[in-house]
């Protein structure tokens, strides 16, 4: 089931419990904007979908299987779960010039897409 993160770091989105080693697959086709590690999200992949929506898939301890600039297809494996959960965020659509790459994030309304 999905539940909101209750950690001290505030973030929007959805967290799914998953077994370590479970595949992470892309919800839509698109282009990888970022694939790497940072303190806030751990291992994370940011994909701009063909629908012009940016989605982030993140989990500490995860294995990343795609690189920035890579074209991916819906359902393609992009990573492997590391520490028992996957964090997912949907970011508002970008402008054609790409200036709004990382605006306010929201996730709850996309829950139905992920089942």
C-alpha atoms as a PDB file:
ATOM      1  CA  UNK A   1       0.000   0.000   0.000  1.00  0.00           C
ATOM      2  CA  UNK A   2       0.995   3.616  -0.415  1.00  0.00           C
ATOM      3  CA  UNK A   3       1.637   5.860   2.533  1.00  0.00           C
ATOM      4  CA  UNK A   4       2.967   9.343   3.014  1.00  0.00           C
ATOM      5  CA  UNK A   5       6.501   9.619   4.304  1.00  0.00           C
ATOM      6  CA  UNK A   6       6.630  10.715   7.927  1.00  0.00           C
ATOM      7  CA  UNK A   7      10.363  11.348   8.224  1.00  0.00           C
ATOM      8  CA  UNK A   8      11.840  14.597   9.452  1.00  0.00           C
ATOM      9  CA  UNK A   9      12.682  15.639   5.891  1.00  0.00           C
ATOM     10  CA  UNK A  10       9.553  17.031   4.256  1.00  0.00           C
ATOM     11  CA  UNK A  11       8.742  15.794   0.777  1.00  0.00           C
ATOM     12  CA  UNK A  12       5.639  15.227  -1.286  1.00  0.00           C
ATOM     13  CA  UNK A  13       4.869  12.085  -3.162  1.00  0.00           C
ATOM     14  CA  UNK A  14       4.156   8.443  -2.508  1.00  0.00           C
ATOM     15  CA  UNK A  15       6.253   5.768  -0.794  1.00  0.00           C
ATOM     16  CA  UNK A  16       5.738   2.098  -1.689  1.00  0.00           C
ATOM     17  CA  UNK A  17       7.048  -0.768   0.395  1.00  0.00           C
ATOM     18  CA  UNK A  18       8.906  -3.310  -1.739  1.00  0.00           C
ATOM     19  CA  UNK A  19      11.262  -6.232  -1.312  1.00  0.00           C
ATOM     20  CA  UNK A  20      14.958  -5.537  -1.797  1.00  0.00           C
ATOM     21  CA  UNK A  21      15.941  -6.488  -5.319  1.00  0.00           C
ATOM     22  CA  UNK A  22      12.521  -5.671  -6.804  1.00  0.00           C
ATOM     23  CA  UNK A  23      12.694  -3.965 -10.215  1.00  0.00           C
ATOM     24  CA  UNK A  24      11.767  -0.306 -10.650  1.00  0.00           C
ATOM     25  CA  UNK A  25      10.055   0.311 -13.994  1.00  0.00           C
ATOM     26  CA  UNK A  26       9.192   3.538 -15.803  1.00  0.00           C
ATOM     27  CA  UNK A  27       5.516   4.516 -15.745  1.00  0.00           C
ATOM     28  CA  UNK A  28       5.786   6.248 -19.126  1.00  0.00           C
ATOM     29  CA  UNK A  29       8.208   6.530 -21.986  1.00  0.00           C
ATOM     30  CA  UNK A  30      10.491   9.546 -21.932  1.00  0.00           C
ATOM     31  CA  UNK A  31      14.028  10.837 -21.453  1.00  0.00           C
ATOM     32  CA  UNK A  32      16.208  10.496 -18.353  1.00  0.00           C
ATOM     33  CA  UNK A  33      17.114  13.961 -17.037  1.00  0.00           C
ATOM     34  CA  UNK A  34      19.035  12.815 -13.963  1.00  0.00           C
ATOM     35  CA  UNK A  35      20.369   9.547 -12.611  1.00  0.00           C
ATOM     36  CA  UNK A  36      22.538   9.739  -9.533  1.00  0.00           C
ATOM     37  CA  UNK A  37      22.796  10.123  -5.790  1.00  0.00           C
ATOM     38  CA  UNK A  38      22.180  12.934  -3.311  1.00  0.00           C
ATOM     39  CA  UNK A  39      21.661  13.214   0.437  1.00  0.00           C
ATOM     40  CA  UNK A  40      17.954  14.001   0.305  1.00  0.00           C
ATOM     41  CA  UNK A  41      16.763  11.247  -2.010  1.00  0.00           C
ATOM     42  CA  UNK A  42      19.578   8.725  -2.096  1.00  0.00           C
ATOM     43  CA  UNK A  43      19.679   6.994  -5.465  1.00  0.00           C
ATOM     44  CA  UNK A  44      17.216   8.741  -7.734  1.00  0.00           C
ATOM     45  CA  UNK A  45      16.178   8.945 -11.350  1.00  0.00           C
ATOM     46  CA  UNK A  46      14.297  11.866 -12.880  1.00  0.00           C
ATOM     47  CA  UNK A  47      12.489  11.242 -16.167  1.00  0.00           C
ATOM     48  CA  UNK A  48      10.693  13.729 -18.410  1.00  0.00           C
ATOM     49  CA  UNK A  49       7.802  11.741 -19.835  1.00  0.00           C
ATOM     50  CA  UNK A  50       6.400  11.928 -23.331  1.00  0.00           C
ATOM     51  CA  UNK A  51       3.408  13.611 -21.632  1.00  0.00           C
ATOM     52  CA  UNK A  52       5.723  16.498 -20.585  1.00  0.00           C
ATOM     53  CA  UNK A  53       5.468  15.519 -16.897  1.00  0.00           C
ATOM     54  CA  UNK A  54       8.635  14.978 -14.883  1.00  0.00           C
ATOM     55  CA  UNK A  55       8.680  12.010 -12.508  1.00  0.00           C
ATOM     56  CA  UNK A  56      11.222  11.129  -9.820  1.00  0.00           C
ATOM     57  CA  UNK A  57      11.861   7.581  -8.616  1.00  0.00           C
ATOM     58  CA  UNK A  58      14.057   7.446  -5.509  1.00  0.00           C
ATOM     59  CA  UNK A  59      15.224   4.998  -2.854  1.00  0.00           C
ATOM     60  CA  UNK A  60      18.277   4.869  -0.632  1.00  0.00           C
ATOM     61  CA  UNK A  61      20.503   1.923  -1.455  1.00  0.00           C
ATOM     62  CA  UNK A  62      18.963   1.363  -4.878  1.00  0.00           C
ATOM     63  CA  UNK A  63      20.814   0.397  -8.044  1.00  0.00           C
ATOM     64  CA  UNK A  64      20.432   2.768 -11.006  1.00  0.00           C
ATOM     65  CA  UNK A  65      20.237   1.192 -14.473  1.00  0.00           C
ATOM     66  CA  UNK A  66      19.907   4.226 -16.759  1.00  0.00           C
ATOM     67  CA  UNK A  67      22.016   7.306 -17.531  1.00  0.00           C
ATOM     68  CA  UNK A  68      21.026  10.923 -18.262  1.00  0.00           C
ATOM     69  CA  UNK A  69      20.001  11.477 -21.863  1.00  0.00           C
ATOM     70  CA  UNK A  70      18.809   7.887 -22.278  1.00  0.00           C
ATOM     71  CA  UNK A  71      15.496   7.317 -24.076  1.00  0.00           C
ATOM     72  CA  UNK A  72      13.333   4.885 -22.109  1.00  0.00           C
ATOM     73  CA  UNK A  73      10.065   3.108 -22.881  1.00  0.00           C
ATOM     74  CA  UNK A  74       7.033   2.561 -20.659  1.00  0.00           C
ATOM     75  CA  UNK A  75       7.597  -0.491 -18.466  1.00  0.00           C
ATOM     76  CA  UNK A  76      11.368  -0.511 -18.991  1.00  0.00           C
ATOM     77  CA  UNK A  77      13.410  -1.384 -15.908  1.00  0.00           C
ATOM     78  CA  UNK A  78      15.296   1.696 -14.687  1.00  0.00           C
ATOM     79  CA  UNK A  79      16.544   0.497 -11.302  1.00  0.00           C
ATOM     80  CA  UNK A  80      16.474  -2.028  -8.471  1.00  0.00           C
ATOM     81  CA  UNK A  81      14.999  -1.440  -4.979  1.00  0.00           C
ATOM     82  CA  UNK A  82      17.650  -1.211  -2.281  1.00  0.00           C
ATOM     83  CA  UNK A  83      16.271  -0.563   1.209  1.00  0.00           C
ATOM     84  CA  UNK A  84      12.705  -1.772   1.149  1.00  0.00           C
ATOM     85  CA  UNK A  85      10.793   1.104  -0.433  1.00  0.00           C
ATOM     86  CA  UNK A  86      10.440   3.330  -3.476  1.00  0.00           C
ATOM     87  CA  UNK A  87       9.625   7.033  -3.291  1.00  0.00           C
ATOM     88  CA  UNK A  88       7.755   8.442  -6.300  1.00  0.00           C
ATOM     89  CA  UNK A  89       6.985  12.064  -7.144  1.00  0.00           C
ATOM     90  CA  UNK A  90       5.262  13.738 -10.058  1.00  0.00           C
ATOM     91  CA  UNK A  91       6.441  17.221 -10.905  1.00  0.00           C
ATOM     92  CA  UNK A  92       4.247  19.797 -12.658  1.00  0.00           C
ATOM     93  CA  UNK A  93       4.516  19.893 -16.473  1.00  0.00           C
ATOM     94  CA  UNK A  94       7.470  21.874 -17.764  1.00  0.00           C
ATOM     95  CA  UNK A  95       7.375  24.800 -20.129  1.00  0.00           C
ATOM     96  CA  UNK A  96       8.618  24.153 -23.685  1.00  0.00           C
ATOM     97  CA  UNK A  97      11.873  25.967 -22.910  1.00  0.00           C
ATOM     98  CA  UNK A  98      12.468  23.693 -19.903  1.00  0.00           C
ATOM     99  CA  UNK A  99      12.823  26.554 -17.424  1.00  0.00           C
ATOM    100  CA  UNK A 100      10.491  24.960 -14.862  1.00  0.00           C
ATOM    101  CA  UNK A 101      12.488  21.764 -14.452  1.00  0.00           C
ATOM    102  CA  UNK A 102      11.990  21.330 -10.707  1.00  0.00           C
ATOM    103  CA  UNK A 103       8.895  23.258  -9.602  1.00  0.00           C
ATOM    104  CA  UNK A 104       6.518  22.300  -6.793  1.00  0.00           C
ATOM    105  CA  UNK A 105       6.063  18.550  -6.618  1.00  0.00           C
ATOM    106  CA  UNK A 106       2.850  16.589  -6.241  1.00  0.00           C
ATOM    107  CA  UNK A 107       2.094  12.904  -6.295  1.00  0.00           C
ATOM    108  CA  UNK A 108      -1.187  11.734  -4.797  1.00  0.00           C
ATOM    109  CA  UNK A 109      -3.329  12.222  -7.904  1.00  0.00           C
ATOM    110  CA  UNK A 110      -1.080   9.873  -9.901  1.00  0.00           C
ATOM    111  CA  UNK A 111      -1.548   6.900  -7.579  1.00  0.00           C
ATOM    112  CA  UNK A 112      -3.967   5.205  -9.980  1.00  0.00           C
ATOM    113  CA  UNK A 113      -1.316   5.135 -12.720  1.00  0.00           C
ATOM    114  CA  UNK A 114       0.986   2.945 -10.682  1.00  0.00           C
ATOM    115  CA  UNK A 115      -1.183  -0.079  -9.933  1.00  0.00           C
END
